[in-house]
Protein backbone atom coordinates (compact mmCIF):
# COMPACT_ATOMS: atom_id res chain seq x y z
CA MET A 1 8.20 -12.72 -5.68
CA LYS A 2 5.98 -15.66 -4.73
CA PRO A 3 2.21 -15.47 -5.06
CA MET A 4 0.76 -14.01 -1.36
CA ILE A 5 -1.66 -16.01 0.77
CA TRP A 6 -3.36 -12.38 1.13
CA ILE A 7 -4.05 -11.08 -2.15
CA TYR A 8 -5.58 -14.29 -2.55
CA ILE A 9 -7.78 -14.40 0.88
CA PHE A 10 -8.75 -10.20 -0.22
CA SER A 11 -9.37 -11.52 -3.96
CA LEU A 12 -11.81 -13.95 -2.72
CA ALA A 13 -13.67 -12.01 -0.71
CA LEU A 14 -14.27 -9.27 -3.53
CA LEU A 15 -15.18 -12.00 -6.04
CA ILE A 16 -18.12 -12.93 -3.51
CA GLY A 17 -18.82 -9.05 -3.59
CA ALA A 18 -18.80 -8.86 -7.16
CA SER A 19 -21.45 -11.95 -7.24
CA ALA A 20 -23.36 -10.35 -5.13
CA ALA A 21 -23.72 -7.28 -7.29
CA ALA A 22 -24.27 -9.55 -10.33
CA GLN A 23 -26.92 -10.00 -8.75
CA GLN A 24 -28.62 -6.58 -8.04
CA GLN A 25 -30.62 -4.41 -11.05
CA PRO A 26 -28.59 -2.16 -12.94
CA VAL A 27 -29.34 1.65 -12.32
CA ASP A 28 -29.10 3.62 -15.63
CA ASP A 29 -26.61 6.58 -15.64
CA ASP A 30 -28.36 10.03 -13.79
CA GLU A 31 -28.28 12.43 -16.38
CA ASP A 32 -29.42 15.00 -13.43
CA ASP A 33 -26.81 14.36 -11.04
CA PRO A 34 -23.56 13.99 -13.23
CA PHE A 35 -21.25 14.49 -10.17
CA GLU A 36 -20.57 13.63 -6.36
CA LEU A 37 -17.67 14.25 -4.34
CA THR A 38 -16.53 11.79 -1.53
CA LEU A 39 -14.09 12.41 1.16
CA ARG A 40 -12.54 9.68 3.17
CA ALA A 41 -10.37 9.60 6.44
CA ASP A 42 -8.84 6.45 8.47
CA LEU A 43 -7.18 6.95 11.39
CA GLY A 44 -5.87 3.75 13.08
CA VAL A 45 -2.70 1.46 13.70
CA VAL A 46 0.07 -0.71 11.25
CA THR A 47 2.07 -3.04 11.79
CA PRO A 48 4.84 -5.26 9.81
CA LEU A 49 4.40 -9.52 9.92
CA TYR A 50 7.46 -9.69 8.15
CA HIS A 51 10.09 -7.06 7.00
CA ARG A 52 13.41 -8.05 5.69
CA ILE A 53 15.84 -6.08 4.01
CA GLN A 54 19.30 -6.60 1.73
CA TYR A 55 21.61 -3.21 -0.19
CA SER A 56 24.86 -5.06 -2.17
CA GLU A 57 25.14 -9.54 -2.65
CA GLU A 58 27.49 -8.89 0.25
CA GLY A 59 25.19 -7.34 2.14
CA THR A 60 23.14 -8.67 5.42
CA ASP A 61 20.04 -10.09 4.99
CA PHE A 62 18.18 -7.48 7.65
CA ASP A 63 15.10 -8.62 9.66
CA TYR A 64 13.45 -5.21 10.56
CA VAL A 65 11.17 -6.93 12.76
CA GLY A 66 13.41 -9.16 14.54
CA ASP A 67 16.26 -6.97 15.00
CA GLY A 68 14.91 -3.22 13.91
CA GLY A 69 12.59 -2.79 16.52
CA GLN A 70 9.08 -2.99 13.97
CA ASN A 71 7.78 -5.31 16.14
CA VAL A 72 5.40 -2.85 17.26
CA LEU A 73 2.70 -0.74 16.79
CA PHE A 74 2.79 2.08 14.20
CA THR A 75 0.29 5.29 13.47
CA PHE A 76 -1.96 4.91 10.13
CA ASN A 77 -3.87 7.36 8.20
CA ARG A 78 -4.92 7.45 5.00
CA LEU A 79 -6.54 10.21 2.77
CA ALA A 80 -8.55 9.59 -0.48
CA THR A 81 -10.88 11.72 -2.94
CA ASP A 82 -13.74 10.11 -5.03
CA VAL A 83 -15.11 11.75 -7.71
CA ARG A 84 -17.77 10.49 -10.03
CA LEU A 85 -18.82 11.14 -13.01
CA GLY A 86 -22.40 9.73 -13.70
CA SER A 87 -22.81 6.62 -12.07
CA ARG A 88 -20.62 4.43 -13.26
CA HIS A 89 -17.41 6.50 -13.44
CA HIS A 90 -15.05 7.11 -10.62
CA LEU A 91 -11.94 8.88 -10.39
CA THR A 92 -9.96 8.43 -7.15
CA PHE A 93 -7.07 10.12 -5.20
CA VAL A 94 -5.32 8.79 -2.22
CA PHE A 95 -2.08 9.91 -0.41
CA GLN A 96 -1.21 6.86 2.40
CA PRO A 97 1.98 7.06 4.08
CA LEU A 98 3.80 4.73 5.93
CA ARG A 99 6.63 5.69 8.07
CA LEU A 100 8.30 3.56 10.28
CA GLU A 101 11.03 4.63 12.05
CA THR A 102 13.07 3.05 15.55
CA SER A 103 16.30 2.92 17.48
CA VAL A 104 17.56 -0.27 18.49
CA ARG A 105 21.07 -1.89 19.72
CA LEU A 106 22.18 -4.33 17.47
CA ALA A 107 22.73 -7.88 17.84
CA GLN A 108 25.14 -8.40 15.43
CA ASP A 109 27.36 -6.87 13.18
CA VAL A 110 25.05 -5.37 9.91
CA THR A 111 26.74 -4.85 6.89
CA VAL A 112 24.71 -2.12 4.15
CA ASP A 113 26.53 -1.79 0.92
CA ASP A 114 29.85 -1.27 2.10
CA ALA A 115 29.53 -0.26 5.53
CA VAL A 116 29.54 -2.43 8.67
CA PHE A 117 27.81 -1.33 11.41
CA GLU A 118 28.80 -3.23 14.75
CA GLU A 119 27.53 -5.51 17.18
CA GLY A 120 26.26 -3.31 20.48
CA GLN A 121 26.13 0.05 18.57
CA PRO A 122 23.18 1.96 18.99
CA VAL A 123 21.22 2.72 15.64
CA ASP A 124 18.37 4.50 13.73
CA LEU A 125 16.52 2.97 11.32
CA LEU A 126 14.47 4.83 9.07
CA TYR A 127 11.84 3.53 6.42
CA ASN A 128 10.01 6.12 5.22
CA PHE A 129 7.10 4.81 2.19
CA PRO A 130 4.72 6.96 1.29
CA TYR A 131 2.39 6.62 -2.11
CA TYR A 132 0.11 9.07 -3.72
CA ARG A 133 -1.69 7.13 -6.09
CA THR A 134 -4.41 7.94 -8.94
CA THR A 135 -6.82 5.59 -10.15
CA TYR A 136 -9.84 4.89 -12.75
CA LEU A 137 -12.44 3.16 -12.23
CA TYR A 138 -15.91 1.62 -13.84
CA ASP A 139 -18.91 0.44 -12.15
CA LEU A 140 -19.03 -3.10 -13.85
CA ARG A 141 -22.67 -3.92 -12.45
CA GLN A 142 -23.61 -1.20 -9.83
CA SER A 143 -27.15 -0.87 -8.28
CA GLU A 144 -29.05 0.49 -5.73
CA ASP A 145 -27.13 -1.32 -3.03
CA ALA A 146 -24.27 -2.68 -4.68
CA GLU A 147 -20.97 -1.87 -6.47
CA PHE A 148 -17.90 -3.90 -8.59
CA SER A 149 -15.95 -1.53 -9.94
CA ILE A 150 -12.84 -2.13 -11.87
CA GLY A 151 -9.77 0.39 -13.02
CA GLY A 152 -6.36 0.66 -13.16
CA GLY A 153 -3.60 3.89 -12.53
CA LEU A 154 -0.40 5.35 -11.68
CA GLN A 155 1.43 5.41 -8.17
CA ILE A 156 4.29 7.46 -7.00
CA ARG A 157 6.71 5.31 -5.58
CA ASN A 158 8.79 7.65 -2.92
CA ALA A 159 10.81 5.83 -0.99
CA THR A 160 13.78 7.38 1.59
CA ILE A 161 15.32 4.53 3.37
CA VAL A 162 18.39 5.33 6.33
CA PHE A 163 20.78 3.39 8.29
CA ARG A 164 22.93 5.46 11.00
CA ARG A 165 24.33 5.02 13.71
CA ALA A 166 23.35 6.86 16.23
CA ASP A 167 26.53 9.43 16.64
CA GLY A 168 25.78 10.37 13.31
CA GLU A 169 29.59 9.54 12.20
CA LEU A 170 28.39 6.11 9.92
CA GLN A 171 25.18 6.45 7.50
CA ARG A 172 23.79 4.44 4.57
CA ASP A 173 20.63 5.85 2.68
CA ARG A 174 18.91 5.12 -0.62
CA ARG A 175 16.22 7.13 -1.83
CA ASP A 176 13.80 6.08 -5.07
CA LEU A 177 11.31 7.73 -7.05
CA GLY A 178 9.57 6.33 -9.73
CA LEU A 179 5.59 5.57 -10.95
CA VAL A 180 4.24 2.21 -10.42
CA PRO A 181 1.50 1.47 -12.74
CA LEU A 182 -1.35 -1.07 -11.02
CA LEU A 183 -4.78 -2.43 -11.27
CA LYS A 184 -7.89 -1.97 -9.05
CA LEU A 185 -10.91 -3.82 -8.11
CA ARG A 186 -13.44 -1.99 -5.46
CA THR A 187 -17.09 -3.44 -4.17
CA ARG A 188 -19.25 -2.61 -2.06
CA ARG A 189 -22.92 -4.12 -0.72
CA SER A 190 -25.71 -2.95 1.85
CA LEU A 191 -26.31 -5.49 4.47
CA GLY A 192 -29.37 -4.24 5.42
CA ASP A 193 -30.05 -1.34 8.19
CA ASP A 194 -28.24 1.08 7.53
CA TRP A 195 -24.98 -1.56 7.32
CA PHE A 196 -22.75 -1.84 4.37
CA PHE A 197 -20.24 -4.43 3.48
CA GLY A 198 -16.74 -3.64 1.11
CA GLY A 199 -13.09 -3.79 -0.15
CA GLU A 200 -10.88 -3.18 -2.61
CA LEU A 201 -7.72 -4.66 -3.85
CA ALA A 202 -4.83 -2.43 -5.56
CA GLY A 203 -1.50 -4.12 -6.87
CA PHE A 204 0.63 -4.86 -9.72
CA TYR A 205 3.26 -7.24 -10.56
CA ALA A 206 6.34 -6.37 -12.54
CA PRO A 207 9.04 -8.93 -13.45
CA ILE A 208 11.03 -6.56 -16.17
CA ARG A 209 11.82 -2.99 -16.74
CA TYR A 210 8.83 -2.45 -18.90
CA LEU A 211 6.18 -3.52 -16.91
CA ASN A 212 7.83 -1.40 -14.02
CA ILE A 213 8.69 1.28 -15.73
CA SER A 214 12.53 1.06 -14.78
CA ASP A 215 15.75 0.64 -16.22
CA SER A 216 16.65 -1.81 -14.66
CA ASP A 217 15.64 -5.83 -14.55
CA VAL A 218 14.40 -5.51 -11.37
CA GLU A 219 11.27 -7.48 -10.04
CA GLY A 220 8.84 -5.07 -8.35
CA ALA A 221 5.60 -5.88 -6.75
CA ILE A 222 2.63 -4.21 -4.81
CA ALA A 223 -0.13 -4.96 -3.15
CA ASP A 224 -2.96 -2.60 -0.84
CA GLY A 225 -6.39 -4.31 0.01
CA ASN A 226 -8.52 -4.13 2.37
CA LEU A 227 -12.27 -5.32 4.06
CA LEU A 228 -14.57 -3.07 5.89
CA ILE A 229 -18.02 -2.99 7.22
CA GLY A 230 -19.57 0.06 8.35
CA ARG A 231 -22.76 2.10 9.01
CA THR A 232 -24.62 5.22 7.11
CA LEU A 233 -24.64 7.75 10.18
CA ASP A 234 -27.09 10.47 7.90
CA GLU A 235 -27.51 11.38 4.19
CA HIS A 236 -23.92 12.01 3.79
CA THR A 237 -21.85 10.92 6.53
CA ARG A 238 -20.65 6.93 6.68
CA ALA A 239 -18.54 5.67 9.49
CA TYR A 240 -16.33 2.34 9.08
CA LEU A 241 -14.02 -0.16 10.41
CA THR A 242 -10.98 -1.69 7.90
CA LEU A 243 -8.87 -4.07 7.71
CA ARG A 244 -6.06 -3.61 5.45
CA TYR A 245 -3.14 -5.57 3.71
CA VAL A 246 0.22 -3.30 2.43
CA GLY A 247 2.91 -4.90 1.21
CA GLY A 248 5.31 -5.40 -1.90
CA GLY A 249 8.73 -4.85 -3.07
CA ALA A 250 11.74 -5.35 -4.80
CA GLN A 251 14.84 -7.41 -5.53
CA GLY A 252 17.36 -7.37 -8.46
CA THR A 253 20.63 -5.13 -9.46
CA SER A 254 20.22 -1.61 -11.41
CA GLU A 255 23.11 0.38 -12.61
CA GLN A 256 25.14 2.03 -9.28
CA PRO A 257 27.05 5.34 -10.13
CA ALA A 258 30.48 4.86 -9.32
CA ASP A 259 30.88 7.75 -6.48
CA GLU A 260 27.70 5.34 -4.41
CA PRO A 261 28.74 2.56 -2.81
CA GLY A 262 27.37 -0.88 -3.03
CA ASP A 263 27.04 -3.04 -6.72
CA GLY A 264 23.44 -1.59 -6.72
CA PHE A 265 22.06 -5.06 -5.59
CA THR A 266 18.51 -4.71 -3.20
CA ARG A 267 16.47 -7.16 -1.88
CA ASN A 268 13.45 -5.30 0.21
CA TRP A 269 9.96 -7.10 1.18
CA ILE A 270 7.31 -5.79 3.57
CA HIS A 271 4.40 -7.03 4.57
CA ALA A 272 2.15 -5.36 6.91
CA LEU A 273 -1.91 -5.21 8.42
CA SER A 274 -3.29 -2.37 9.95
CA LEU A 275 -6.80 -1.61 11.52
CA ALA A 276 -8.16 1.28 11.38
CA VAL A 277 -11.56 3.52 11.50
CA GLY A 278 -13.08 5.31 8.54
CA PHE A 279 -15.28 8.40 7.76
CA GLU A 280 -16.56 8.97 4.55
CA TYR A 281 -18.47 12.34 3.94
CA THR A 282 -20.47 12.71 0.58
CA PHE A 283 -21.33 15.89 -1.23
């Protein structure tokens, strides 16, 4: 996959935040307050900007946005927990569902593996890709009003993709469960008067099997980054508005069981944007 302009934009924003954080004086580990728990919840909308998929070399390169009804807004939510140990060590846990479900009447024949969904037929489409992620972060230059953290973690890949004719007589589906390693950056800085600015970028690019923890040479990538601006409401509560990019996918051929249709080839890339309101509460 070619480097994405979105990654450069978010990376630049994070580097700006890191530079600002580096100008602050660091704080020492607080032995009197070694533990802090923060809960976060985002609720908003998400829309795919680009989403194409192909199953089997002879299959159709299907455009979900142009032909699959994904040119609308879908509900977006995200739950996260951050555990701070001392002043510099963080463990984060994230659950972020992504369920895109549409029904369309096909404008042309669509081949999925060896099944042909004919032009004019009503088809139900499901792209369900929730993920569960845990990461460790270390604050390189934490201060009273700034943070810049780096780290890494693992994400559970849990995908279900379905093409089903509306009458139920024809269906093709793929399911995939596995682990994805990733790297992560996070920054936050005070803007004064209880306002703050921040962002994060998590992702990984794996062109070979040993990096994407897979049995086949499939190119895979994931990128999840956001920018946010918010305000501290009281000692424990903060609210924010966040713009998030979620993207990635895979391309290549994996071994296919003899009793399964298709030749094992997959090409699936998505780039989506979400806008959400978030709240966080620190105990």
